[in-house]
Amino acid sequence: FNAQAALMRVAGEADVELTLFHGRGGTASRGGGPLDRLVDST
């Protein structure tokens, strides 16, 4: 979560259009789960 916030801040300061790509596994231990919950957690 904090990494995403930091990346957004840096990209905004540099006027760069940033796309965050989520590299998840299947289980919750590796970030898996429904996509709506992923979006809610960003």
PDB file of all heavy atoms in Angstrom:
ATOM      1  N   PHE A   1       0.835  -1.210   0.000  1.00  0.00           N
ATOM      2  CA  PHE A   1       0.000   0.000   0.000  1.00  0.00           C
ATOM      3  C   PHE A   1       0.865   1.253   0.000  1.00  0.00           C
ATOM      4  O   PHE A   1       0.658   2.175  -0.814  1.00  0.00           O
ATOM      5  CB  PHE A   1      -0.915  -0.018   1.224  1.00  0.00           C
ATOM      6  CG  PHE A   1      -1.880   1.136   1.281  1.00  0.00           C
ATOM      7  CD1 PHE A   1      -3.144   1.035   0.726  1.00  0.00           C
ATOM      8  CD2 PHE A   1      -1.511   2.336   1.883  1.00  0.00           C
ATOM      9  CE1 PHE A   1      -4.033   2.109   0.771  1.00  0.00           C
ATOM     10  CE2 PHE A   1      -2.392   3.412   1.931  1.00  0.00           C
ATOM     11  CZ  PHE A   1      -3.655   3.294   1.377  1.00  0.00           C
ATOM     12  N   ASN A   2       1.857   1.306   0.898  1.00  0.00           N
ATOM     13  CA  ASN A   2       2.714   2.491   0.985  1.00  0.00           C
ATOM     14  C   ASN A   2       3.553   2.669  -0.271  1.00  0.00           C
ATOM     15  O   ASN A   2       3.818   3.806  -0.688  1.00  0.00           O
ATOM     16  CB  ASN A   2       3.617   2.382   2.211  1.00  0.00           C
ATOM     17  CG  ASN A   2       2.870   2.581   3.513  1.00  0.00           C
ATOM     18  OD1 ASN A   2       1.777   3.154   3.527  1.00  0.00           O
ATOM     19  ND2 ASN A   2       3.429   2.108   4.616  1.00  0.00           N
ATOM     20  N   ALA A   3       3.970   1.553  -0.877  1.00  0.00           N
ATOM     21  CA  ALA A   3       4.756   1.647  -2.113  1.00  0.00           C
ATOM     22  C   ALA A   3       3.938   2.284  -3.227  1.00  0.00           C
ATOM     23  O   ALA A   3       4.445   3.133  -3.974  1.00  0.00           O
ATOM     24  CB  ALA A   3       5.233   0.258  -2.535  1.00  0.00           C
ATOM     25  N   GLN A   4       2.672   1.888  -3.340  1.00  0.00           N
ATOM     26  CA  GLN A   4       1.815   2.475  -4.370  1.00  0.00           C
ATOM     27  C   GLN A   4       1.655   3.982  -4.163  1.00  0.00           C
ATOM     28  O   GLN A   4       1.712   4.765  -5.126  1.00  0.00           O
ATOM     29  CB  GLN A   4       0.438   1.801  -4.343  1.00  0.00           C
ATOM     30  CG  GLN A   4       0.448   0.352  -4.756  1.00  0.00           C
ATOM     31  CD  GLN A   4      -0.920  -0.279  -4.602  1.00  0.00           C
ATOM     32  OE1 GLN A   4      -1.833  -0.006  -5.386  1.00  0.00           O
ATOM     33  NE2 GLN A   4      -1.086  -1.109  -3.594  1.00  0.00           N
ATOM     34  N   ALA A   5       1.451   4.384  -2.911  1.00  0.00           N
ATOM     35  CA  ALA A   5       1.293   5.809  -2.611  1.00  0.00           C
ATOM     36  C   ALA A   5       2.566   6.581  -2.965  1.00  0.00           C
ATOM     37  O   ALA A   5       2.504   7.678  -3.547  1.00  0.00           O
ATOM     38  CB  ALA A   5       0.941   5.998  -1.139  1.00  0.00           C
ATOM     39  N   ALA A   6       3.739   6.006  -2.636  1.00  0.00           N
ATOM     40  CA  ALA A   6       5.004   6.674  -2.938  1.00  0.00           C
ATOM     41  C   ALA A   6       5.236   6.763  -4.444  1.00  0.00           C
ATOM     42  O   ALA A   6       5.695   7.795  -4.959  1.00  0.00           O
ATOM     43  CB  ALA A   6       6.152   5.921  -2.264  1.00  0.00           C
ATOM     44  N   LEU A   7       4.929   5.695  -5.170  1.00  0.00           N
ATOM     45  CA  LEU A   7       5.105   5.698  -6.626  1.00  0.00           C
ATOM     46  C   LEU A   7       4.209   6.739  -7.290  1.00  0.00           C
ATOM     47  O   LEU A   7       4.637   7.444  -8.214  1.00  0.00           O
ATOM     48  CB  LEU A   7       4.797   4.304  -7.178  1.00  0.00           C
ATOM     49  CG  LEU A   7       5.794   3.203  -6.834  1.00  0.00           C
ATOM     50  CD1 LEU A   7       5.228   1.821  -7.153  1.00  0.00           C
ATOM     51  CD2 LEU A   7       7.121   3.412  -7.575  1.00  0.00           C
ATOM     52  N   MET A   8       2.971   6.839  -6.823  1.00  0.00           N
ATOM     53  CA  MET A   8       2.059   7.847  -7.369  1.00  0.00           C
ATOM     54  C   MET A   8       2.589   9.258  -7.139  1.00  0.00           C
ATOM     55  O   MET A   8       2.527  10.113  -8.026  1.00  0.00           O
ATOM     56  CB  MET A   8       0.683   7.711  -6.711  1.00  0.00           C
ATOM     57  CG  MET A   8      -0.109   6.495  -7.129  1.00  0.00           C
ATOM     58  SD  MET A   8      -1.499   6.266  -6.005  1.00  0.00           S
ATOM     59  CE  MET A   8      -2.210   7.911  -5.978  1.00  0.00           C
ATOM     60  N   ARG A   9       3.091   9.490  -5.946  1.00  0.00           N
ATOM     61  CA  ARG A   9       3.591  10.831  -5.611  1.00  0.00           C
ATOM     62  C   ARG A   9       4.773  11.206  -6.498  1.00  0.00           C
ATOM     63  O   ARG A   9       4.819  12.318  -7.057  1.00  0.00           O
ATOM     64  CB  ARG A   9       4.002  10.867  -4.138  1.00  0.00           C
ATOM     65  CG  ARG A   9       4.478  12.242  -3.673  1.00  0.00           C
ATOM     66  CD  ARG A   9       4.836  12.247  -2.206  1.00  0.00           C
ATOM     67  NE  ARG A   9       5.975  11.369  -1.912  1.00  0.00           N
ATOM     68  CZ  ARG A   9       5.871  10.198  -1.303  1.00  0.00           C
ATOM     69  NH1 ARG A   9       4.694   9.745  -0.922  1.00  0.00           N
ATOM     70  NH2 ARG A   9       6.949   9.465  -1.073  1.00  0.00           N
ATOM     71  N   VAL A  10       5.713  10.286  -6.668  1.00  0.00           N
ATOM     72  CA  VAL A  10       6.901  10.555  -7.475  1.00  0.00           C
ATOM     73  C   VAL A  10       6.527  10.768  -8.944  1.00  0.00           C
ATOM     74  O   VAL A  10       7.019  11.698  -9.599  1.00  0.00           O
ATOM     75  CB  VAL A  10       7.910   9.398  -7.335  1.00  0.00           C
ATOM     76  CG1 VAL A  10       9.035   9.536  -8.351  1.00  0.00           C
ATOM     77  CG2 VAL A  10       8.476   9.353  -5.921  1.00  0.00           C
ATOM     78  N   ALA A  11       5.646   9.924  -9.471  1.00  0.00           N
ATOM     79  CA  ALA A  11       5.225  10.067 -10.869  1.00  0.00           C
ATOM     80  C   ALA A  11       4.501  11.386 -11.086  1.00  0.00           C
ATOM     81  O   ALA A  11       4.686  12.051 -12.111  1.00  0.00           O
ATOM     82  CB  ALA A  11       4.331   8.900 -11.258  1.00  0.00           C
ATOM     83  N   GLY A  12       3.665  11.785 -10.122  1.00  0.00           N
ATOM     84  CA  GLY A  12       2.948  13.054 -10.238  1.00  0.00           C
ATOM     85  C   GLY A  12       3.903  14.240 -10.269  1.00  0.00           C
ATOM     86  O   GLY A  12       3.713  15.184 -11.055  1.00  0.00           O
ATOM     87  N   GLU A  13       4.922  14.201  -9.428  1.00  0.00           N
ATOM     88  CA  GLU A  13       5.893  15.302  -9.389  1.00  0.00           C
ATOM     89  C   GLU A  13       6.688  15.389 -10.693  1.00  0.00           C
ATOM     90  O   GLU A  13       7.110  16.475 -11.091  1.00  0.00           O
ATOM     91  CB  GLU A  13       6.842  15.095  -8.209  1.00  0.00           C
ATOM     92  CG  GLU A  13       6.165  15.261  -6.843  1.00  0.00           C
ATOM     93  CD  GLU A  13       7.048  14.827  -5.694  1.00  0.00           C
ATOM     94  OE1 GLU A  13       8.149  14.281  -5.977  1.00  0.00           O
ATOM     95  OE2 GLU A  13       6.667  15.016  -4.527  1.00  0.00           O
ATOM     96  N   ALA A  14       6.873  14.246 -11.357  1.00  0.00           N
ATOM     97  CA  ALA A  14       7.630  14.228 -12.607  1.00  0.00           C
ATOM     98  C   ALA A  14       6.737  14.369 -13.834  1.00  0.00           C
ATOM     99  O   ALA A  14       7.234  14.314 -14.961  1.00  0.00           O
ATOM    100  CB  ALA A  14       8.434  12.930 -12.706  1.00  0.00           C
ATOM    101  N   ASP A  15       5.432  14.543 -13.621  1.00  0.00           N
ATOM    102  CA  ASP A  15       4.472  14.664 -14.722  1.00  0.00           C
ATOM    103  C   ASP A  15       4.530  13.451 -15.650  1.00  0.00           C
ATOM    104  O   ASP A  15       4.587  13.562 -16.867  1.00  0.00           O
ATOM    105  CB  ASP A  15       4.726  15.951 -15.522  1.00  0.00           C
ATOM    106  CG  ASP A  15       3.582  16.258 -16.492  1.00  0.00           C
ATOM    107  OD1 ASP A  15       2.437  15.852 -16.197  1.00  0.00           O
ATOM    108  OD2 ASP A  15       3.839  16.898 -17.533  1.00  0.00           O
ATOM    109  N   VAL A  16       4.530  12.267 -15.019  1.00  0.00           N
ATOM    110  CA  VAL A  16       4.558  11.002 -15.759  1.00  0.00           C
ATOM    111  C   VAL A  16       3.266  10.254 -15.481  1.00  0.00           C
ATOM    112  O   VAL A  16       2.784  10.204 -14.349  1.00  0.00           O
ATOM    113  CB  VAL A  16       5.761  10.139 -15.327  1.00  0.00           C
ATOM    114  CG1 VAL A  16       5.652   8.724 -15.879  1.00  0.00           C
ATOM    115  CG2 VAL A  16       7.062  10.783 -15.797  1.00  0.00           C
ATOM    116  N   GLU A  17       2.666   9.696 -16.535  1.00  0.00           N
ATOM    117  CA  GLU A  17       1.433   8.931 -16.391  1.00  0.00           C
ATOM    118  C   GLU A  17       1.783   7.516 -15.913  1.00  0.00           C
ATOM    119  O   GLU A  17       2.385   6.737 -16.652  1.00  0.00           O
ATOM    120  CB  GLU A  17       0.705   8.866 -17.734  1.00  0.00           C
ATOM    121  CG  GLU A  17      -0.650   8.183 -17.665  1.00  0.00           C
ATOM    122  CD  GLU A  17      -1.354   8.170 -19.014  1.00  0.00           C
ATOM    123  OE1 GLU A  17      -1.033   9.029 -19.869  1.00  0.00           O
ATOM    124  OE2 GLU A  17      -2.203   7.286 -19.214  1.00  0.00           O
ATOM    125  N   LEU A  18       1.407   7.213 -14.685  1.00  0.00           N
ATOM    126  CA  LEU A  18       1.806   5.955 -14.053  1.00  0.00           C
ATOM    127  C   LEU A  18       0.676   4.935 -14.082  1.00  0.00           C
ATOM    128  O   LEU A  18      -0.470   5.252 -13.759  1.00  0.00           O
ATOM    129  CB  LEU A  18       2.208   6.208 -12.597  1.00  0.00           C
ATOM    130  CG  LEU A  18       2.586   4.974 -11.767  1.00  0.00           C
ATOM    131  CD1 LEU A  18       3.893   4.368 -12.271  1.00  0.00           C
ATOM    132  CD2 LEU A  18       2.699   5.336 -10.289  1.00  0.00           C
ATOM    133  N   THR A  19       1.013   3.714 -14.462  1.00  0.00           N
ATOM    134  CA  THR A  19       0.101   2.580 -14.342  1.00  0.00           C
ATOM    135  C   THR A  19       0.688   1.593 -13.357  1.00  0.00           C
ATOM    136  O   THR A  19       1.825   1.141 -13.528  1.00  0.00           O
ATOM    137  CB  THR A  19      -0.124   1.885 -15.693  1.00  0.00           C
ATOM    138  OG1 THR A  19      -0.765   2.787 -16.604  1.00  0.00           O
ATOM    139  CG2 THR A  19      -1.013   0.651 -15.523  1.00  0.00           C
ATOM    140  N   LEU A  20      -0.075   1.268 -12.315  1.00  0.00           N
ATOM    141  CA  LEU A  20       0.361   0.281 -11.342  1.00  0.00           C
ATOM    142  C   LEU A  20      -0.133  -1.097 -11.769  1.00  0.00           C
ATOM    143  O   LEU A  20      -1.317  -1.288 -12.022  1.00  0.00           O
ATOM    144  CB  LEU A  20      -0.176   0.632  -9.949  1.00  0.00           C
ATOM    145  CG  LEU A  20       0.464   1.863  -9.312  1.00  0.00           C
ATOM    146  CD1 LEU A  20      -0.305   2.283  -8.070  1.00  0.00           C
ATOM    147  CD2 LEU A  20       1.920   1.604  -8.972  1.00  0.00           C
ATOM    148  N   PHE A  21       0.781  -2.010 -11.854  1.00  0.00           N
ATOM    149  CA  PHE A  21       0.522  -3.368 -12.315  1.00  0.00           C
ATOM    150  C   PHE A  21       0.647  -4.279 -11.084  1.00  0.00           C
ATOM    151  O   PHE A  21       1.697  -4.335 -10.447  1.00  0.00           O
ATOM    152  CB  PHE A  21       1.554  -3.709 -13.386  1.00  0.00           C
ATOM    153  CG  PHE A  21       1.388  -5.030 -14.073  1.00  0.00           C
ATOM    154  CD1 PHE A  21       0.336  -5.877 -13.793  1.00  0.00           C
ATOM    155  CD2 PHE A  21       2.315  -5.433 -15.024  1.00  0.00           C
ATOM    156  CE1 PHE A  21       0.199  -7.099 -14.437  1.00  0.00           C
ATOM    157  CE2 PHE A  21       2.195  -6.649 -15.681  1.00  0.00           C
ATOM    158  CZ  PHE A  21       1.131  -7.481 -15.381  1.00  0.00           C
ATOM    159  N   HIS A  22      -0.426  -4.977 -10.734  1.00  0.00           N
ATOM    160  CA  HIS A  22      -0.448  -5.782  -9.516  1.00  0.00           C
ATOM    161  C   HIS A  22      -0.065  -7.228  -9.838  1.00  0.00           C
ATOM    162  O   HIS A  22      -0.798  -7.938 -10.536  1.00  0.00           O
ATOM    163  CB  HIS A  22      -1.837  -5.737  -8.877  1.00  0.00           C
ATOM    164  CG  HIS A  22      -2.250  -4.369  -8.452  1.00  0.00           C
ATOM    165  ND1 HIS A  22      -2.012  -3.871  -7.190  1.00  0.00           N
ATOM    166  CD2 HIS A  22      -2.871  -3.364  -9.132  1.00  0.00           C
ATOM    167  CE1 HIS A  22      -2.473  -2.639  -7.106  1.00  0.00           C
ATOM    168  NE2 HIS A  22      -2.988  -2.308  -8.268  1.00  0.00           N
ATOM    169  N   GLY A  23       1.097  -7.654  -9.322  1.00  0.00           N
ATOM    170  CA  GLY A  23       1.565  -9.014  -9.544  1.00  0.00           C
ATOM    171  C   GLY A  23       1.141  -9.914  -8.399  1.00  0.00           C
ATOM    172  O   GLY A  23       1.830 -10.011  -7.386  1.00  0.00           O
ATOM    173  N   ARG A  24      -0.009 -10.569  -8.546  1.00  0.00           N
ATOM    174  CA  ARG A  24      -0.594 -11.342  -7.453  1.00  0.00           C
ATOM    175  C   ARG A  24      -0.542 -12.830  -7.743  1.00  0.00           C
ATOM    176  O   ARG A  24      -0.472 -13.280  -8.877  1.00  0.00           O
ATOM    177  CB  ARG A  24      -2.075 -10.964  -7.262  1.00  0.00           C
ATOM    178  CG  ARG A  24      -2.347  -9.467  -7.260  1.00  0.00           C
ATOM    179  CD  ARG A  24      -3.794  -9.188  -6.941  1.00  0.00           C
ATOM    180  NE  ARG A  24      -4.692  -9.871  -7.855  1.00  0.00           N
ATOM    181  CZ  ARG A  24      -5.947 -10.208  -7.567  1.00  0.00           C
ATOM    182  NH1 ARG A  24      -6.438  -9.928  -6.370  1.00  0.00           N
ATOM    183  NH2 ARG A  24      -6.711 -10.808  -8.448  1.00  0.00           N
ATOM    184  N   GLY A  25      -0.585 -13.612  -6.663  1.00  0.00           N
ATOM    185  CA  GLY A  25      -0.768 -15.047  -6.780  1.00  0.00           C
ATOM    186  C   GLY A  25      -2.224 -15.405  -6.553  1.00  0.00           C
ATOM    187  O   GLY A  25      -3.095 -14.541  -6.477  1.00  0.00           O
ATOM    188  N   GLY A  26      -2.493 -16.703  -6.418  1.00  0.00           N
ATOM    189  CA  GLY A  26      -3.875 -17.148  -6.274  1.00  0.00           C
ATOM    190  C   GLY A  26      -4.437 -16.985  -4.875  1.00  0.00           C
ATOM    191  O   GLY A  26      -5.610 -16.678  -4.705  1.00  0.00           O
ATOM    192  N   THR A  27      -3.593 -17.183  -3.851  1.00  0.00           N
ATOM    193  CA  THR A  27      -4.082 -17.143  -2.479  1.00  0.00           C
ATOM    194  C   THR A  27      -3.910 -15.759  -1.878  1.00  0.00           C
ATOM    195  O   THR A  27      -3.151 -14.924  -2.379  1.00  0.00           O
ATOM    196  CB  THR A  27      -3.318 -18.152  -1.606  1.00  0.00           C
ATOM    197  OG1 THR A  27      -1.935 -17.767  -1.561  1.00  0.00           O
ATOM    198  CG2 THR A  27      -3.418 -19.556  -2.175  1.00  0.00           C
ATOM    199  N   ALA A  28      -4.605 -15.533  -0.754  1.00  0.00           N
ATOM    200  CA  ALA A  28      -4.478 -14.253  -0.051  1.00  0.00           C
ATOM    201  C   ALA A  28      -3.050 -14.017   0.409  1.00  0.00           C
ATOM    202  O   ALA A  28      -2.598 -12.870   0.501  1.00  0.00           O
ATOM    203  CB  ALA A  28      -5.429 -14.226   1.141  1.00  0.00           C
ATOM    204  N   SER A  29      -2.315 -15.085   0.691  1.00  0.00           N
ATOM    205  CA  SER A  29      -0.923 -14.952   1.111  1.00  0.00           C
ATOM    206  C   SER A  29      -0.070 -14.282   0.042  1.00  0.00           C
ATOM    207  O   SER A  29       0.969 -13.690   0.357  1.00  0.00           O
ATOM    208  CB  SER A  29      -0.337 -16.331   1.427  1.00  0.00           C
ATOM    209  OG  SER A  29      -1.081 -16.987   2.426  1.00  0.00           O
ATOM    210  N   ARG A  30      -0.499 -14.372  -1.206  1.00  0.00           N
ATOM    211  CA  ARG A  30       0.250 -13.762  -2.305  1.00  0.00           C
ATOM    212  C   ARG A  30      -0.569 -12.692  -3.016  1.00  0.00           C
ATOM    213  O   ARG A  30      -0.391 -12.419  -4.191  1.00  0.00           O
ATOM    214  CB  ARG A  30       0.696 -14.844  -3.295  1.00  0.00           C
ATOM    215  CG  ARG A  30       1.637 -15.878  -2.664  1.00  0.00           C
ATOM    216  CD  ARG A  30       2.098 -16.927  -3.655  1.00  0.00           C
ATOM    217  NE  ARG A  30       2.736 -16.322  -4.806  1.00  0.00           N
ATOM    218  CZ  ARG A  30       2.453 -16.620  -6.076  1.00  0.00           C
ATOM    219  NH1 ARG A  30       1.526 -17.524  -6.351  1.00  0.00           N
ATOM    220  NH2 ARG A  30       3.070 -16.024  -7.050  1.00  0.00           N
ATOM    221  N   GLY A  31      -1.487 -12.054  -2.252  1.00  0.00           N
ATOM    222  CA  GLY A  31      -2.234 -10.928  -2.794  1.00  0.00           C
ATOM    223  C   GLY A  31      -3.468 -11.291  -3.573  1.00  0.00           C
ATOM    224  O   GLY A  31      -4.120 -10.412  -4.150  1.00  0.00           O
ATOM    225  N   GLY A  32      -3.831 -12.590  -3.617  1.00  0.00           N
ATOM    226  CA  GLY A  32      -4.977 -13.010  -4.404  1.00  0.00           C
ATOM    227  C   GLY A  32      -6.300 -12.644  -3.772  1.00  0.00           C
ATOM    228  O   GLY A  32      -6.376 -12.246  -2.614  1.00  0.00           O
ATOM    229  N   GLY A  33      -7.366 -12.809  -4.562  1.00  0.00           N
ATOM    230  CA  GLY A  33      -8.709 -12.490  -4.101  1.00  0.00           C
ATOM    231  C   GLY A  33      -9.489 -11.764  -5.175  1.00  0.00           C
ATOM    232  O   GLY A  33      -8.955 -11.450  -6.253  1.00  0.00           O
ATOM    233  N   PRO A  34     -10.763 -11.471  -4.925  1.00  0.00           N
ATOM    234  CA  PRO A  34     -11.598 -10.790  -5.915  1.00  0.00           C
ATOM    235  C   PRO A  34     -11.020  -9.440  -6.319  1.00  0.00           C
ATOM    236  O   PRO A  34     -10.422  -8.729  -5.504  1.00  0.00           O
ATOM    237  CB  PRO A  34     -12.935 -10.624  -5.181  1.00  0.00           C
ATOM    238  CG  PRO A  34     -12.937 -11.687  -4.124  1.00  0.00           C
ATOM    239  CD  PRO A  34     -11.513 -11.833  -3.711  1.00  0.00           C
ATOM    240  N   LEU A  35     -11.228  -9.074  -7.578  1.00  0.00           N
ATOM    241  CA  LEU A  35     -10.651  -7.838  -8.096  1.00  0.00           C
ATOM    242  C   LEU A  35     -11.261  -6.595  -7.454  1.00  0.00           C
ATOM    243  O   LEU A  35     -10.587  -5.575  -7.311  1.00  0.00           O
ATOM    244  CB  LEU A  35     -10.823  -7.789  -9.614  1.00  0.00           C
ATOM    245  CG  LEU A  35     -10.041  -8.851 -10.389  1.00  0.00           C
ATOM    246  CD1 LEU A  35     -10.371  -8.789 -11.871  1.00  0.00           C
ATOM    247  CD2 LEU A  35      -8.543  -8.684 -10.176  1.00  0.00           C
ATOM    248  N   ASP A  36     -12.557  -6.662  -7.063  1.00  0.00           N
ATOM    249  CA  ASP A  36     -13.148  -5.490  -6.437  1.00  0.00           C
ATOM    250  C   ASP A  36     -12.498  -5.200  -5.082  1.00  0.00           C
ATOM    251  O   ASP A  36     -12.307  -4.038  -4.700  1.00  0.00           O
ATOM    252  CB  ASP A  36     -14.667  -5.648  -6.292  1.00  0.00           C
ATOM    253  CG  ASP A  36     -15.053  -6.911  -5.527  1.00  0.00           C
ATOM    254  OD1 ASP A  36     -14.230  -7.835  -5.434  1.00  0.00           O
ATOM    255  OD2 ASP A  36     -16.195  -6.972  -5.035  1.00  0.00           O
ATOM    256  N   ARG A  37     -12.112  -6.260  -4.360  1.00  0.00           N
ATOM    257  CA  ARG A  37     -11.436  -6.062  -3.082  1.00  0.00           C
ATOM    258  C   ARG A  37     -10.025  -5.517  -3.295  1.00  0.00           C
ATOM    259  O   ARG A  37      -9.521  -4.738  -2.471  1.00  0.00           O
ATOM    260  CB  ARG A  37     -11.392  -7.377  -2.309  1.00  0.00           C
ATOM    261  CG  ARG A  37     -12.763  -7.823  -1.821  1.00  0.00           C
ATOM    262  CD  ARG A  37     -12.752  -9.299  -1.445  1.00  0.00           C
ATOM    263  NE  ARG A  37     -11.839  -9.562  -0.363  1.00  0.00           N
ATOM    264  CZ  ARG A  37     -12.137  -9.417   0.933  1.00  0.00           C
ATOM    265  NH1 ARG A  37     -13.338  -9.011   1.277  1.00  0.00           N
ATOM    266  NH2 ARG A  37     -11.256  -9.693   1.869  1.00  0.00           N
ATOM    267  N   LEU A  38      -9.388  -5.925  -4.393  1.00  0.00           N
ATOM    268  CA  LEU A  38      -8.073  -5.378  -4.713  1.00  0.00           C
ATOM    269  C   LEU A  38      -8.165  -3.875  -4.928  1.00  0.00           C
ATOM    270  O   LEU A  38      -7.368  -3.098  -4.384  1.00  0.00           O
ATOM    271  CB  LEU A  38      -7.517  -6.060  -5.964  1.00  0.00           C
ATOM    272  CG  LEU A  38      -6.252  -5.430  -6.561  1.00  0.00           C
ATOM    273  CD1 LEU A  38      -5.078  -5.552  -5.602  1.00  0.00           C
ATOM    274  CD2 LEU A  38      -5.911  -6.063  -7.904  1.00  0.00           C
ATOM    275  N   VAL A  39      -9.144  -3.442  -5.716  1.00  0.00           N
ATOM    276  CA  VAL A  39      -9.303  -2.017  -5.994  1.00  0.00           C
ATOM    277  C   VAL A  39      -9.602  -1.249  -4.708  1.00  0.00           C
ATOM    278  O   VAL A  39      -9.048  -0.168  -4.462  1.00  0.00           O
ATOM    279  CB  VAL A  39     -10.423  -1.796  -7.037  1.00  0.00           C
ATOM    280  CG1 VAL A  39     -10.719  -0.311  -7.205  1.00  0.00           C
ATOM    281  CG2 VAL A  39     -10.026  -2.410  -8.370  1.00  0.00           C
ATOM    282  N   ASP A  40     -10.456  -1.808  -3.860  1.00  0.00           N
ATOM    283  CA  ASP A  40     -10.788  -1.156  -2.592  1.00  0.00           C
ATOM    284  C   ASP A  40      -9.576  -0.977  -1.694  1.00  0.00           C
ATOM    285  O   ASP A  40      -9.558  -0.091  -0.832  1.00  0.00           O
ATOM    286  CB  ASP A  40     -11.840  -1.973  -1.825  1.00  0.00           C
ATOM    287  CG  ASP A  40     -13.247  -1.790  -2.383  1.00  0.00           C
ATOM    288  OD1 ASP A  40     -13.451  -0.822  -3.136  1.00  0.00           O
ATOM    289  OD2 ASP A  40     -14.117  -2.616  -2.066  1.00  0.00           O
ATOM    290  N   SER A  41      -8.584  -1.827  -1.877  1.00  0.00           N
ATOM    291  CA  SER A  41      -7.429  -1.831  -0.981  1.00  0.00           C
ATOM    292  C   SER A  41      -6.263  -0.999  -1.504  1.00  0.00           C
ATOM    293  O   SER A  41      -5.174  -1.031  -0.924  1.00  0.00           O
ATOM    294  CB  SER A  41      -6.960  -3.279  -0.749  1.00  0.00           C
ATOM    295  OG  SER A  41      -7.981  -4.050  -0.156  1.00  0.00           O
ATOM    296  N   THR A  42      -6.459  -0.259  -2.581  1.00  0.00           N
ATOM    297  CA  THR A  42      -5.398   0.576  -3.132  1.00  0.00           C
ATOM    298  C   THR A  42      -5.504   1.995  -2.601  1.00  0.00           C
ATOM    299  O   THR A  42      -6.577   2.437  -2.174  1.00  0.00           O
ATOM    300  CB  THR A  42      -5.467   0.600  -4.667  1.00  0.00           C
ATOM    301  OG1 THR A  42      -6.755   1.106  -5.066  1.00  0.00           O
ATOM    302  CG2 THR A  42      -5.265  -0.793  -5.243  1.00  0.00           C
TER     303      THR A  42
END
